[in-house]
Protein backbone atom coordinates (compact mmCIF):
# COMPACT_ATOMS: atom_id res chain seq x y z
CA UNK A 1 128.22 119.37 82.18
CA UNK A 2 131.53 117.55 82.12
CA UNK A 3 134.36 120.09 82.29
CA UNK A 4 136.92 117.40 81.38
CA UNK A 5 136.22 118.24 77.74
CA UNK A 6 138.73 121.11 77.91
CA UNK A 7 141.44 118.67 78.97
CA UNK A 8 140.47 116.18 76.25
CA UNK A 9 140.11 118.66 73.39
CA UNK A 10 143.43 120.42 73.80
CA UNK A 11 145.61 117.32 73.28
CA UNK A 12 143.51 116.18 70.30
CA UNK A 13 143.78 119.58 68.66
CA UNK A 14 147.47 119.82 69.47
CA UNK A 15 148.19 116.36 67.99
CA UNK A 16 146.41 116.88 64.67
CA UNK A 17 148.98 119.14 62.97
CA UNK A 18 151.81 116.82 64.05
CA UNK A 19 149.99 113.87 62.52
CA UNK A 20 149.43 115.77 59.27
CA UNK A 21 153.01 117.01 59.15
CA UNK A 22 154.24 113.44 59.54
CA UNK A 23 152.00 112.23 56.72
CA UNK A 24 152.93 115.13 54.43
CA UNK A 25 156.63 114.84 55.15
CA UNK A 26 156.84 111.07 54.71
CA UNK A 27 154.38 110.17 51.95
CA UNK A 28 154.73 110.87 48.23
CA UNK A 29 152.86 114.11 47.42
CA UNK A 30 150.91 112.57 44.52
CA UNK A 31 149.33 110.04 46.90
CA UNK A 32 147.53 112.94 48.63
CA UNK A 33 145.57 113.98 45.57
CA UNK A 34 144.28 110.56 44.52
CA UNK A 35 140.50 110.60 44.96
CA UNK A 36 139.55 107.39 46.77
CA UNK A 37 136.20 107.10 44.98
CA UNK A 38 133.69 109.27 43.18
CA UNK A 39 132.28 111.97 45.48
CA UNK A 40 134.84 111.15 48.20
CA UNK A 41 137.51 113.59 49.37
CA UNK A 42 141.18 112.94 48.76
CA UNK A 43 143.63 113.38 51.63
CA UNK A 44 144.59 116.75 50.16
CA UNK A 45 140.96 117.89 50.15
CA UNK A 46 140.60 116.79 53.79
CA UNK A 47 143.69 118.78 54.75
CA UNK A 48 142.48 121.84 52.82
CA UNK A 49 139.15 121.61 54.64
CA UNK A 50 140.91 121.49 58.02
CA UNK A 51 142.90 124.59 57.03
CA UNK A 52 139.70 126.36 55.97
CA UNK A 53 137.87 125.54 59.20
CA UNK A 54 140.91 126.57 61.22
CA UNK A 55 141.06 129.88 59.39
CA UNK A 56 137.35 130.73 59.23
CA UNK A 57 135.31 128.55 61.58
CA UNK A 58 136.38 127.02 64.88
CA UNK A 59 138.44 129.73 66.60
CA UNK A 60 135.91 132.34 65.48
CA UNK A 61 133.05 130.27 66.86
CA UNK A 62 134.82 129.94 70.20
CA UNK A 63 135.05 133.73 70.35
CA UNK A 64 131.39 134.12 69.33
CA UNK A 65 130.35 131.71 72.07
CA UNK A 66 132.55 133.36 74.69
CA UNK A 67 130.66 136.59 73.89
CA UNK A 68 127.35 134.66 73.55
CA UNK A 69 126.86 136.07 70.05
CA UNK A 70 125.00 134.24 67.31
CA UNK A 71 127.11 133.05 64.39
CA UNK A 72 126.73 131.92 60.77
CA UNK A 73 126.93 128.43 59.35
CA UNK A 74 129.83 127.32 57.15
CA UNK A 75 129.28 125.42 53.93
CA UNK A 76 132.53 123.81 52.76
CA UNK A 77 131.13 123.27 49.26
CA UNK A 78 130.43 126.95 48.64
CA UNK A 79 132.75 128.67 51.12
CA UNK A 80 135.72 126.30 51.21
CA UNK A 81 138.90 126.50 49.17
CA UNK A 82 140.01 124.13 46.48
CA UNK A 83 143.43 122.67 47.26
CA UNK A 84 146.28 123.88 45.08
CA UNK A 85 147.67 120.63 43.71
CA UNK A 86 150.80 122.46 42.50
CA UNK A 87 151.84 123.00 46.13
CA UNK A 88 153.37 120.11 48.06
CA UNK A 89 151.10 118.86 50.88
CA UNK A 90 153.79 119.75 53.41
CA UNK A 91 153.13 123.46 52.72
CA UNK A 92 149.45 123.02 53.52
CA UNK A 93 150.29 120.97 56.62
CA UNK A 94 152.63 123.74 57.77
CA UNK A 95 149.85 126.30 57.27
CA UNK A 96 147.52 124.10 59.31
CA UNK A 97 150.11 123.94 62.09
CA UNK A 98 150.55 127.74 62.06
CA UNK A 99 146.81 128.36 62.20
CA UNK A 100 146.32 125.74 64.91
CA UNK A 101 148.93 127.42 67.13
CA UNK A 102 146.87 130.61 66.87
CA UNK A 103 143.70 128.65 67.66
CA UNK A 104 145.28 127.13 70.75
CA UNK A 105 145.80 130.66 72.07
CA UNK A 106 142.08 131.31 71.62
CA UNK A 107 141.30 128.05 73.39
CA UNK A 108 143.41 129.14 76.37
CA UNK A 109 140.76 131.80 77.07
CA UNK A 110 138.11 129.12 77.77
CA UNK A 111 137.37 128.38 81.42
CA UNK A 112 135.12 125.62 82.79
CA UNK A 113 132.35 128.14 83.48
CA UNK A 114 132.45 129.24 79.82
CA UNK A 115 131.35 125.77 78.71
CA UNK A 116 127.77 126.69 79.61
CA UNK A 117 127.71 129.74 77.33
CA UNK A 118 125.32 129.48 74.40
CA UNK A 119 124.63 131.17 71.10
CA UNK A 120 122.54 130.48 68.04
CA UNK A 121 124.08 128.71 65.08
CA UNK A 122 122.40 129.83 61.85
CA UNK A 123 121.32 126.28 60.89
CA UNK A 124 121.49 124.18 64.07
CA UNK A 125 119.88 126.52 66.58
CA UNK A 126 121.16 127.09 70.10
CA UNK A 127 124.50 125.42 70.84
CA UNK A 128 126.87 125.55 73.81
CA UNK A 129 130.59 126.11 73.89
CA UNK A 130 130.98 122.60 75.31
CA UNK A 131 129.16 121.15 72.31
CA UNK A 132 131.36 123.14 69.94
CA UNK A 133 134.54 121.84 71.61
CA UNK A 134 133.26 118.27 71.31
CA UNK A 135 132.50 118.89 67.64
CA UNK A 136 135.89 120.48 66.96
CA UNK A 137 137.83 117.49 68.30
CA UNK A 138 135.57 114.99 66.54
CA UNK A 139 135.84 117.00 63.30
CA UNK A 140 139.65 116.93 63.46
CA UNK A 141 139.75 113.20 64.07
CA UNK A 142 137.06 112.41 61.50
CA UNK A 143 138.78 114.22 58.63
CA UNK A 144 142.18 112.83 59.55
CA UNK A 145 140.77 109.30 59.56
CA UNK A 146 138.94 110.07 56.31
CA UNK A 147 142.23 111.20 54.75
CA UNK A 148 144.09 108.15 55.98
CA UNK A 149 141.34 105.98 54.55
CA UNK A 150 141.74 107.77 51.21
CA UNK A 151 145.48 107.16 51.36
CA UNK A 152 144.81 103.44 51.96
CA UNK A 153 142.73 102.85 48.83
CA UNK A 154 145.53 102.21 46.27
CA UNK A 155 147.12 99.77 48.70
CA UNK A 156 143.88 97.96 49.45
CA UNK A 157 143.02 97.53 45.78
CA UNK A 158 146.47 96.11 45.07
CA UNK A 159 146.62 93.69 48.00
CA UNK A 160 145.07 90.74 46.17
CA UNK A 161 143.71 88.04 48.49
CA UNK A 162 144.43 90.20 51.56
CA UNK A 163 141.75 92.72 50.47
CA UNK A 164 139.23 90.93 52.67
CA UNK A 165 141.13 92.14 55.75
CA UNK A 166 140.44 95.73 54.74
CA UNK A 167 136.73 95.41 54.03
CA UNK A 168 135.79 97.97 56.69
CA UNK A 169 138.05 100.52 55.00
CA UNK A 170 137.52 99.69 51.33
CA UNK A 171 135.49 102.57 49.91
CA UNK A 172 134.53 100.45 46.88
CA UNK A 173 132.43 98.27 49.21
CA UNK A 174 130.30 101.08 50.59
CA UNK A 175 126.66 100.42 49.97
CA UNK A 176 127.40 96.89 48.84
């Protein structure tokens, strides 16, 4: 097992709140709540999901795996929070940063030998701490990219003949 994952995950997890704070501080708040397409998450929903998983999922799973205890699944549709659109996105980004600082303290407990520890996930079966750390970093990056893609949509649709340059990011073209 590659123990470099610890050294890769920490900077990714540390960078995510900074990226979100920059977006929330610099972009108009109403841009965050624009749904990019039907059944797609807005940037605000992505950020709320990251806050939820920071509060209830990833640090707790690290602790479960360190103790080699089985743990439950998390369903964002039934267990996640709905974002409060009356709050500015910066408040949610600040909450994400606060929670992430706490999570980084949990992550400091992980040693290379812990990466081999396993436990049973309620839906996925036996998983290792290494696999969870890979998933945590990928999850952070995926939902940040998803949010940035949602933020792009009004600009893509208004870019006229340049729209072709954004075809890989234009949600309207999915399945076309």
